[in-house]
Amino acid sequence: MTPAERLKRLEEARNDDDSWTEWYRLSPMERWDESSKMWQFYLQIGGSLDPEPDPQSPFDAFMPRGAAPAYGRSSLRVLRRGGV
């Protein structure tokens, strides 16, 4: 990125938000370090890196839907057997 492009992005960031300005002032290595800190925090609070299911994805058929029950049956159970 040329210095002129960087200044242009800084000006755009100033118009948007102060936090973006701080982000753009960081060097690429500093941004990388800050991003890794955010990912560590995300994982510590229970975040997951597993992809969410996307039924529109062409690869959806190949994604596992979850672990099979230990006893080999579906996880649904009958709540009431008698008539209504």
PDB file of N, CA and C in Angstrom:
ATOM      1  N   MET A   1       0.852  -1.163   0.000  1.00  0.00           N
ATOM      2  CA  MET A   1       0.000   0.000   0.000  1.00  0.00           C
ATOM      3  C   MET A   1       0.902   1.232   0.000  1.00  0.00           C
ATOM      4  N   THR A   2       0.611   2.132  -0.891  1.00  0.00           N
ATOM      5  CA  THR A   2       1.419   3.346  -0.979  1.00  0.00           C
ATOM      6  C   THR A   2       1.033   4.308   0.142  1.00  0.00           C
ATOM      7  N   PRO A   3       1.926   5.227   0.475  1.00  0.00           N
ATOM      8  CA  PRO A   3       1.587   6.208   1.521  1.00  0.00           C
ATOM      9  C   PRO A   3       0.346   7.033   1.178  1.00  0.00           C
ATOM     10  N   ALA A   4       0.159   7.341  -0.102  1.00  0.00           N
ATOM     11  CA  ALA A   4      -1.026   8.112  -0.499  1.00  0.00           C
ATOM     12  C   ALA A   4      -2.303   7.312  -0.251  1.00  0.00           C
ATOM     13  N   GLU A   5      -2.267   6.022  -0.574  1.00  0.00           N
ATOM     14  CA  GLU A   5      -3.435   5.173  -0.329  1.00  0.00           C
ATOM     15  C   GLU A   5      -3.713   5.058   1.161  1.00  0.00           C
ATOM     16  N   ARG A   6      -2.642   4.949   1.934  1.00  0.00           N
ATOM     17  CA  ARG A   6      -2.809   4.832   3.386  1.00  0.00           C
ATOM     18  C   ARG A   6      -3.428   6.105   3.964  1.00  0.00           C
ATOM     19  N   LEU A   7      -2.971   7.276   3.502  1.00  0.00           N
ATOM     20  CA  LEU A   7      -3.552   8.537   3.966  1.00  0.00           C
ATOM     21  C   LEU A   7      -5.019   8.648   3.562  1.00  0.00           C
ATOM     22  N   LYS A   8      -5.330   8.188   2.353  1.00  0.00           N
ATOM     23  CA  LYS A   8      -6.723   8.216   1.896  1.00  0.00           C
ATOM     24  C   LYS A   8      -7.593   7.351   2.801  1.00  0.00           C
ATOM     25  N   ARG A   9      -7.110   6.179   3.151  1.00  0.00           N
ATOM     26  CA  ARG A   9      -7.874   5.295   4.040  1.00  0.00           C
ATOM     27  C   ARG A   9      -8.005   5.894   5.436  1.00  0.00           C
ATOM     28  N   LEU A  10      -6.957   6.567   5.899  1.00  0.00           N
ATOM     29  CA  LEU A  10      -7.041   7.224   7.207  1.00  0.00           C
ATOM     30  C   LEU A  10      -8.107   8.316   7.201  1.00  0.00           C
ATOM     31  N   GLU A  11      -8.161   9.079   6.117  1.00  0.00           N
ATOM     32  CA  GLU A  11      -9.183  10.124   6.013  1.00  0.00           C
ATOM     33  C   GLU A  11     -10.583   9.513   6.002  1.00  0.00           C
ATOM     34  N   GLU A  12     -10.756   8.429   5.263  1.00  0.00           N
ATOM     35  CA  GLU A  12     -12.049   7.748   5.235  1.00  0.00           C
ATOM     36  C   GLU A  12     -12.399   7.221   6.620  1.00  0.00           C
ATOM     37  N   ALA A  13     -11.419   6.708   7.317  1.00  0.00           N
ATOM     38  CA  ALA A  13     -11.652   6.166   8.652  1.00  0.00           C
ATOM     39  C   ALA A  13     -12.024   7.277   9.629  1.00  0.00           C
ATOM     40  N   ARG A  14     -11.410   8.435   9.484  1.00  0.00           N
ATOM     41  CA  ARG A  14     -11.743   9.555  10.376  1.00  0.00           C
ATOM     42  C   ARG A  14     -13.206   9.943  10.225  1.00  0.00           C
ATOM     43  N   ASN A  15     -13.707   9.830   9.017  1.00  0.00           N
ATOM     44  CA  ASN A  15     -15.101  10.171   8.781  1.00  0.00           C
ATOM     45  C   ASN A  15     -16.041   9.118   9.347  1.00  0.00           C
ATOM     46  N   ASP A  16     -15.593   7.890   9.460  1.00  0.00           N
ATOM     47  CA  ASP A  16     -16.455   6.809   9.934  1.00  0.00           C
ATOM     48  C   ASP A  16     -16.511   6.743  11.453  1.00  0.00           C
ATOM     49  N   ASP A  17     -15.372   6.515  12.073  1.00  0.00           N
ATOM     50  CA  ASP A  17     -15.365   6.240  13.506  1.00  0.00           C
ATOM     51  C   ASP A  17     -13.934   6.318  14.021  1.00  0.00           C
ATOM     52  N   ASP A  18     -13.794   6.711  15.276  1.00  0.00           N
ATOM     53  CA  ASP A  18     -12.455   6.809  15.861  1.00  0.00           C
ATOM     54  C   ASP A  18     -11.786   5.449  16.019  1.00  0.00           C
ATOM     55  N   SER A  19     -12.577   4.406  16.302  1.00  0.00           N
ATOM     56  CA  SER A  19     -11.972   3.084  16.473  1.00  0.00           C
ATOM     57  C   SER A  19     -11.354   2.595  15.164  1.00  0.00           C
ATOM     58  N   TRP A  20     -11.996   2.934  14.046  1.00  0.00           N
ATOM     59  CA  TRP A  20     -11.417   2.553  12.756  1.00  0.00           C
ATOM     60  C   TRP A  20     -10.128   3.311  12.504  1.00  0.00           C
ATOM     61  N   THR A  21     -10.075   4.549  12.936  1.00  0.00           N
ATOM     62  CA  THR A  21      -8.851   5.332  12.765  1.00  0.00           C
ATOM     63  C   THR A  21      -7.702   4.675  13.515  1.00  0.00           C
ATOM     64  N   GLU A  22      -7.981   4.250  14.739  1.00  0.00           N
ATOM     65  CA  GLU A  22      -6.950   3.561  15.517  1.00  0.00           C
ATOM     66  C   GLU A  22      -6.498   2.294  14.808  1.00  0.00           C
ATOM     67  N   TRP A  23      -7.456   1.564  14.249  1.00  0.00           N
ATOM     68  CA  TRP A  23      -7.141   0.308  13.563  1.00  0.00           C
ATOM     69  C   TRP A  23      -6.259   0.561  12.343  1.00  0.00           C
ATOM     70  N   TYR A  24      -6.597   1.589  11.555  1.00  0.00           N
ATOM     71  CA  TYR A  24      -5.812   1.882  10.354  1.00  0.00           C
ATOM     72  C   TYR A  24      -4.421   2.409  10.678  1.00  0.00           C
ATOM     73  N   ARG A  25      -4.253   2.992  11.842  1.00  0.00           N
ATOM     74  CA  ARG A  25      -2.927   3.484  12.214  1.00  0.00           C
ATOM     75  C   ARG A  25      -1.984   2.362  12.624  1.00  0.00           C
ATOM     76  N   LEU A  26      -2.539   1.193  12.924  1.00  0.00           N
ATOM     77  CA  LEU A  26      -1.691   0.056  13.280  1.00  0.00           C
ATOM     78  C   LEU A  26      -0.991  -0.494  12.039  1.00  0.00           C
ATOM     79  N   SER A  27       0.182  -1.023  12.248  1.00  0.00           N
ATOM     80  CA  SER A  27       0.880  -1.690  11.144  1.00  0.00           C
ATOM     81  C   SER A  27       0.211  -3.043  10.909  1.00  0.00           C
ATOM     82  N   PRO A  28       0.434  -3.665   9.765  1.00  0.00           N
ATOM     83  CA  PRO A  28      -0.164  -4.987   9.521  1.00  0.00           C
ATOM     84  C   PRO A  28       0.186  -6.009  10.601  1.00  0.00           C
ATOM     85  N   MET A  29       1.408  -5.963  11.112  1.00  0.00           N
ATOM     86  CA  MET A  29       1.795  -6.911  12.159  1.00  0.00           C
ATOM     87  C   MET A  29       1.044  -6.628  13.460  1.00  0.00           C
ATOM     88  N   GLU A  30       0.875  -5.350  13.779  1.00  0.00           N
ATOM     89  CA  GLU A  30       0.116  -4.990  14.979  1.00  0.00           C
ATOM     90  C   GLU A  30      -1.349  -5.399  14.840  1.00  0.00           C
ATOM     91  N   ARG A  31      -1.913  -5.245  13.644  1.00  0.00           N
ATOM     92  CA  ARG A  31      -3.296  -5.688  13.405  1.00  0.00           C
ATOM     93  C   ARG A  31      -3.412  -7.192  13.581  1.00  0.00           C
ATOM     94  N   TRP A  32      -2.424  -7.916  13.082  1.00  0.00           N
ATOM     95  CA  TRP A  32      -2.418  -9.377  13.220  1.00  0.00           C
ATOM     96  C   TRP A  32      -2.423  -9.767  14.702  1.00  0.00           C
ATOM     97  N   ASP A  33      -1.574  -9.107  15.488  1.00  0.00           N
ATOM     98  CA  ASP A  33      -1.505  -9.394  16.922  1.00  0.00           C
ATOM     99  C   ASP A  33      -2.829  -9.083  17.615  1.00  0.00           C
ATOM    100  N   GLU A  34      -3.437  -7.943  17.276  1.00  0.00           N
ATOM    101  CA  GLU A  34      -4.719  -7.576  17.884  1.00  0.00           C
ATOM    102  C   GLU A  34      -5.816  -8.560  17.483  1.00  0.00           C
ATOM    103  N   SER A  35      -5.800  -9.000  16.228  1.00  0.00           N
ATOM    104  CA  SER A  35      -6.796  -9.976  15.779  1.00  0.00           C
ATOM    105  C   SER A  35      -6.646 -11.289  16.527  1.00  0.00           C
ATOM    106  N   SER A  36      -5.410 -11.714  16.752  1.00  0.00           N
ATOM    107  CA  SER A  36      -5.210 -12.975  17.474  1.00  0.00           C
ATOM    108  C   SER A  36      -5.686 -12.845  18.916  1.00  0.00           C
ATOM    109  N   LYS A  37      -5.525 -11.666  19.520  1.00  0.00           N
ATOM    110  CA  LYS A  37      -6.041 -11.446  20.877  1.00  0.00           C
ATOM    111  C   LYS A  37      -7.565 -11.551  20.893  1.00  0.00           C
ATOM    112  N   MET A  38      -8.209 -10.990  19.860  1.00  0.00           N
ATOM    113  CA  MET A  38      -9.674 -11.058  19.799  1.00  0.00           C
ATOM    114  C   MET A  38     -10.151 -12.492  19.624  1.00  0.00           C
ATOM    115  N   TRP A  39      -9.459 -13.279  18.786  1.00  0.00           N
ATOM    116  CA  TRP A  39      -9.849 -14.680  18.595  1.00  0.00           C
ATOM    117  C   TRP A  39      -9.673 -15.468  19.884  1.00  0.00           C
ATOM    118  N   GLN A  40      -8.589 -15.210  20.613  1.00  0.00           N
ATOM    119  CA  GLN A  40      -8.373 -15.900  21.891  1.00  0.00           C
ATOM    120  C   GLN A  40      -9.499 -15.582  22.865  1.00  0.00           C
ATOM    121  N   PHE A  41      -9.899 -14.318  22.933  1.00  0.00           N
ATOM    122  CA  PHE A  41     -10.996 -13.925  23.812  1.00  0.00           C
ATOM    123  C   PHE A  41     -12.295 -14.593  23.376  1.00  0.00           C
ATOM    124  N   TYR A  42     -12.557 -14.606  22.077  1.00  0.00           N
ATOM    125  CA  TYR A  42     -13.773 -15.229  21.544  1.00  0.00           C
ATOM    126  C   TYR A  42     -13.848 -16.704  21.931  1.00  0.00           C
ATOM    127  N   LEU A  43     -12.736 -17.404  21.831  1.00  0.00           N
ATOM    128  CA  LEU A  43     -12.721 -18.820  22.196  1.00  0.00           C
ATOM    129  C   LEU A  43     -12.849 -19.007  23.706  1.00  0.00           C
ATOM    130  N   GLN A  44     -12.293 -18.104  24.501  1.00  0.00           N
ATOM    131  CA  GLN A  44     -12.378 -18.201  25.958  1.00  0.00           C
ATOM    132  C   GLN A  44     -13.807 -18.030  26.458  1.00  0.00           C
ATOM    133  N   ILE A  45     -14.601 -17.217  25.768  1.00  0.00           N
ATOM    134  CA  ILE A  45     -15.975 -16.999  26.224  1.00  0.00           C
ATOM    135  C   ILE A  45     -16.939 -18.020  25.636  1.00  0.00           C
ATOM    136  N   GLY A  46     -16.395 -19.046  24.975  1.00  0.00           N
ATOM    137  CA  GLY A  46     -17.239 -20.134  24.495  1.00  0.00           C
ATOM    138  C   GLY A  46     -17.544 -20.099  23.015  1.00  0.00           C
ATOM    139  N   GLY A  47     -16.895 -19.236  22.274  1.00  0.00           N
ATOM    140  CA  GLY A  47     -17.102 -19.193  20.833  1.00  0.00           C
ATOM    141  C   GLY A  47     -16.575 -20.453  20.175  1.00  0.00           C
ATOM    142  N   SER A  48     -17.085 -20.748  19.004  1.00  0.00           N
ATOM    143  CA  SER A  48     -16.688 -21.960  18.300  1.00  0.00           C
ATOM    144  C   SER A  48     -16.187 -21.607  16.907  1.00  0.00           C
ATOM    145  N   LEU A  49     -15.214 -22.354  16.441  1.00  0.00           N
ATOM    146  CA  LEU A  49     -14.710 -22.164  15.084  1.00  0.00           C
ATOM    147  C   LEU A  49     -15.393 -23.103  14.095  1.00  0.00           C
ATOM    148  N   ASP A  50     -16.334 -23.927  14.592  1.00  0.00           N
ATOM    149  CA  ASP A  50     -17.065 -24.826  13.704  1.00  0.00           C
ATOM    150  C   ASP A  50     -17.982 -24.007  12.804  1.00  0.00           C
ATOM    151  N   PRO A  51     -18.060 -24.347  11.526  1.00  0.00           N
ATOM    152  CA  PRO A  51     -18.930 -23.592  10.629  1.00  0.00           C
ATOM    153  C   PRO A  51     -20.400 -23.857  10.946  1.00  0.00           C
ATOM    154  N   GLU A  52     -21.216 -22.839  10.744  1.00  0.00           N
ATOM    155  CA  GLU A  52     -22.652 -23.017  10.911  1.00  0.00           C
ATOM    156  C   GLU A  52     -23.192 -23.705   9.663  1.00  0.00           C
ATOM    157  N   PRO A  53     -24.209 -24.550   9.802  1.00  0.00           N
ATOM    158  CA  PRO A  53     -24.750 -25.230   8.628  1.00  0.00           C
ATOM    159  C   PRO A  53     -25.364 -24.231   7.652  1.00  0.00           C
ATOM    160  N   ASP A  54     -25.115 -24.442   6.388  1.00  0.00           N
ATOM    161  CA  ASP A  54     -25.657 -23.584   5.341  1.00  0.00           C
ATOM    162  C   ASP A  54     -26.353 -24.469   4.321  1.00  0.00           C
ATOM    163  N   PRO A  55     -27.684 -24.569   4.365  1.00  0.00           N
ATOM    164  CA  PRO A  55     -28.388 -25.466   3.450  1.00  0.00           C
ATOM    165  C   PRO A  55     -28.257 -25.063   1.986  1.00  0.00           C
ATOM    166  N   GLN A  56     -27.850 -23.835   1.699  1.00  0.00           N
ATOM    167  CA  GLN A  56     -27.695 -23.400   0.315  1.00  0.00           C
ATOM    168  C   GLN A  56     -26.302 -23.693  -0.240  1.00  0.00           C
ATOM    169  N   SER A  57     -25.410 -24.147   0.611  1.00  0.00           N
ATOM    170  CA  SER A  57     -24.050 -24.433   0.178  1.00  0.00           C
ATOM    171  C   SER A  57     -24.009 -25.730  -0.622  1.00  0.00           C
ATOM    172  N   PRO A  58     -23.232 -25.778  -1.706  1.00  0.00           N
ATOM    173  CA  PRO A  58     -23.115 -27.035  -2.457  1.00  0.00           C
ATOM    174  C   PRO A  58     -22.376 -28.111  -1.669  1.00  0.00           C
ATOM    175  N   PHE A  59     -21.696 -27.731  -0.600  1.00  0.00           N
ATOM    176  CA  PHE A  59     -20.958 -28.691   0.209  1.00  0.00           C
ATOM    177  C   PHE A  59     -21.756 -29.149   1.421  1.00  0.00           C
ATOM    178  N   ASP A  60     -23.001 -28.688   1.546  1.00  0.00           N
ATOM    179  CA  ASP A  60     -23.815 -29.002   2.718  1.00  0.00           C
ATOM    180  C   ASP A  60     -24.039 -30.499   2.881  1.00  0.00           C
ATOM    181  N   ALA A  61     -24.155 -31.232   1.794  1.00  0.00           N
ATOM    182  CA  ALA A  61     -24.406 -32.673   1.880  1.00  0.00           C
ATOM    183  C   ALA A  61     -23.218 -33.403   2.508  1.00  0.00           C
ATOM    184  N   PHE A  62     -22.038 -32.806   2.431  1.00  0.00           N
ATOM    185  CA  PHE A  62     -20.840 -33.460   2.943  1.00  0.00           C
ATOM    186  C   PHE A  62     -20.527 -33.078   4.388  1.00  0.00           C
ATOM    187  N   MET A  63     -21.266 -32.098   4.936  1.00  0.00           N
ATOM    188  CA  MET A  63     -21.005 -31.650   6.303  1.00  0.00           C
ATOM    189  C   MET A  63     -21.744 -32.551   7.282  1.00  0.00           C
ATOM    190  N   PRO A  64     -21.087 -32.998   8.337  1.00  0.00           N
ATOM    191  CA  PRO A  64     -21.769 -33.841   9.325  1.00  0.00           C
ATOM    192  C   PRO A  64     -22.832 -33.042  10.070  1.00  0.00           C
ATOM    193  N   ARG A  65     -23.930 -33.681  10.381  1.00  0.00           N
ATOM    194  CA  ARG A  65     -25.041 -33.020  11.065  1.00  0.00           C
ATOM    195  C   ARG A  65     -24.956 -33.141  12.576  1.00  0.00           C
ATOM    196  N   GLY A  66     -23.950 -33.756  13.098  1.00  0.00           N
ATOM    197  CA  GLY A  66     -23.821 -33.932  14.537  1.00  0.00           C
ATOM    198  C   GLY A  66     -23.564 -35.389  14.848  1.00  0.00           C
ATOM    199  N   ALA A  67     -23.229 -35.645  16.071  1.00  0.00           N
ATOM    200  CA  ALA A  67     -22.922 -37.014  16.476  1.00  0.00           C
ATOM    201  C   ALA A  67     -24.197 -37.848  16.534  1.00  0.00           C
ATOM    202  N   ALA A  68     -24.097 -39.089  16.112  1.00  0.00           N
ATOM    203  CA  ALA A  68     -25.234 -40.005  16.197  1.00  0.00           C
ATOM    204  C   ALA A  68     -25.426 -40.412  17.650  1.00  0.00           C
ATOM    205  N   PRO A  69     -26.664 -40.656  18.058  1.00  0.00           N
ATOM    206  CA  PRO A  69     -26.884 -41.097  19.435  1.00  0.00           C
ATOM    207  C   PRO A  69     -26.159 -42.405  19.718  1.00  0.00           C
ATOM    208  N   ALA A  70     -25.758 -42.595  20.947  1.00  0.00           N
ATOM    209  CA  ALA A  70     -24.982 -43.775  21.335  1.00  0.00           C
ATOM    210  C   ALA A  70     -25.773 -45.059  21.150  1.00  0.00           C
ATOM    211  N   TYR A  71     -27.097 -45.005  21.293  1.00  0.00           N
ATOM    212  CA  TYR A  71     -27.907 -46.216  21.193  1.00  0.00           C
ATOM    213  C   TYR A  71     -28.444 -46.443  19.783  1.00  0.00           C
ATOM    214  N   GLY A  72     -28.070 -45.601  18.819  1.00  0.00           N
ATOM    215  CA  GLY A  72     -28.405 -45.840  17.426  1.00  0.00           C
ATOM    216  C   GLY A  72     -29.782 -45.394  16.980  1.00  0.00           C
ATOM    217  N   ARG A  73     -30.542 -44.731  17.808  1.00  0.00           N
ATOM    218  CA  ARG A  73     -31.868 -44.276  17.428  1.00  0.00           C
ATOM    219  C   ARG A  73     -31.885 -42.755  17.333  1.00  0.00           C
ATOM    220  N   SER A  74     -32.964 -42.227  16.814  1.00  0.00           N
ATOM    221  CA  SER A  74     -33.080 -40.772  16.749  1.00  0.00           C
ATOM    222  C   SER A  74     -33.241 -40.214  18.157  1.00  0.00           C
ATOM    223  N   SER A  75     -33.007 -38.947  18.297  1.00  0.00           N
ATOM    224  CA  SER A  75     -33.069 -38.347  19.629  1.00  0.00           C
ATOM    225  C   SER A  75     -34.486 -37.947  20.025  1.00  0.00           C
ATOM    226  N   LEU A  76     -35.476 -38.194  19.167  1.00  0.00           N
ATOM    227  CA  LEU A  76     -36.855 -37.879  19.511  1.00  0.00           C
ATOM    228  C   LEU A  76     -37.428 -38.972  20.392  1.00  0.00           C
ATOM    229  N   ARG A  77     -38.302 -38.593  21.287  1.00  0.00           N
ATOM    230  CA  ARG A  77     -38.932 -39.600  22.134  1.00  0.00           C
ATOM    231  C   ARG A  77     -40.416 -39.300  22.245  1.00  0.00           C
ATOM    232  N   VAL A  78     -41.181 -40.300  22.548  1.00  0.00           N
ATOM    233  CA  VAL A  78     -42.621 -40.155  22.685  1.00  0.00           C
ATOM    234  C   VAL A  78     -42.908 -39.536  24.040  1.00  0.00           C
ATOM    235  N   LEU A  79     -43.677 -38.459  24.042  1.00  0.00           N
ATOM    236  CA  LEU A  79     -44.013 -37.813  25.299  1.00  0.00           C
ATOM    237  C   LEU A  79     -45.282 -38.400  25.911  1.00  0.00           C
ATOM    238  N   ARG A  80     -46.221 -38.784  25.042  1.00  0.00           N
ATOM    239  CA  ARG A  80     -47.488 -39.280  25.536  1.00  0.00           C
ATOM    240  C   ARG A  80     -47.954 -40.406  24.636  1.00  0.00           C
ATOM    241  N   ARG A  81     -48.319 -41.529  25.178  1.00  0.00           N
ATOM    242  CA  ARG A  81     -48.725 -42.677  24.373  1.00  0.00           C
ATOM    243  C   ARG A  81     -50.235 -42.811  24.262  1.00  0.00           C
ATOM    244  N   GLY A  82     -50.950 -42.294  25.205  1.00  0.00           N
ATOM    245  CA  GLY A  82     -52.403 -42.442  25.200  1.00  0.00           C
ATOM    246  C   GLY A  82     -53.076 -41.476  24.242  1.00  0.00           C
ATOM    247  N   GLY A  83     -54.347 -41.678  23.984  1.00  0.00           N
ATOM    248  CA  GLY A  83     -55.109 -40.785  23.115  1.00  0.00           C
ATOM    249  C   GLY A  83     -55.367 -39.453  23.787  1.00  0.00           C
ATOM    250  N   VAL A  84     -55.840 -38.547  23.009  1.00  0.00           N
ATOM    251  CA  VAL A  84     -56.091 -37.199  23.523  1.00  0.00           C
ATOM    252  C   VAL A  84     -57.483 -37.095  24.051  1.00  0.00           C
TER     253      VAL A  84
END
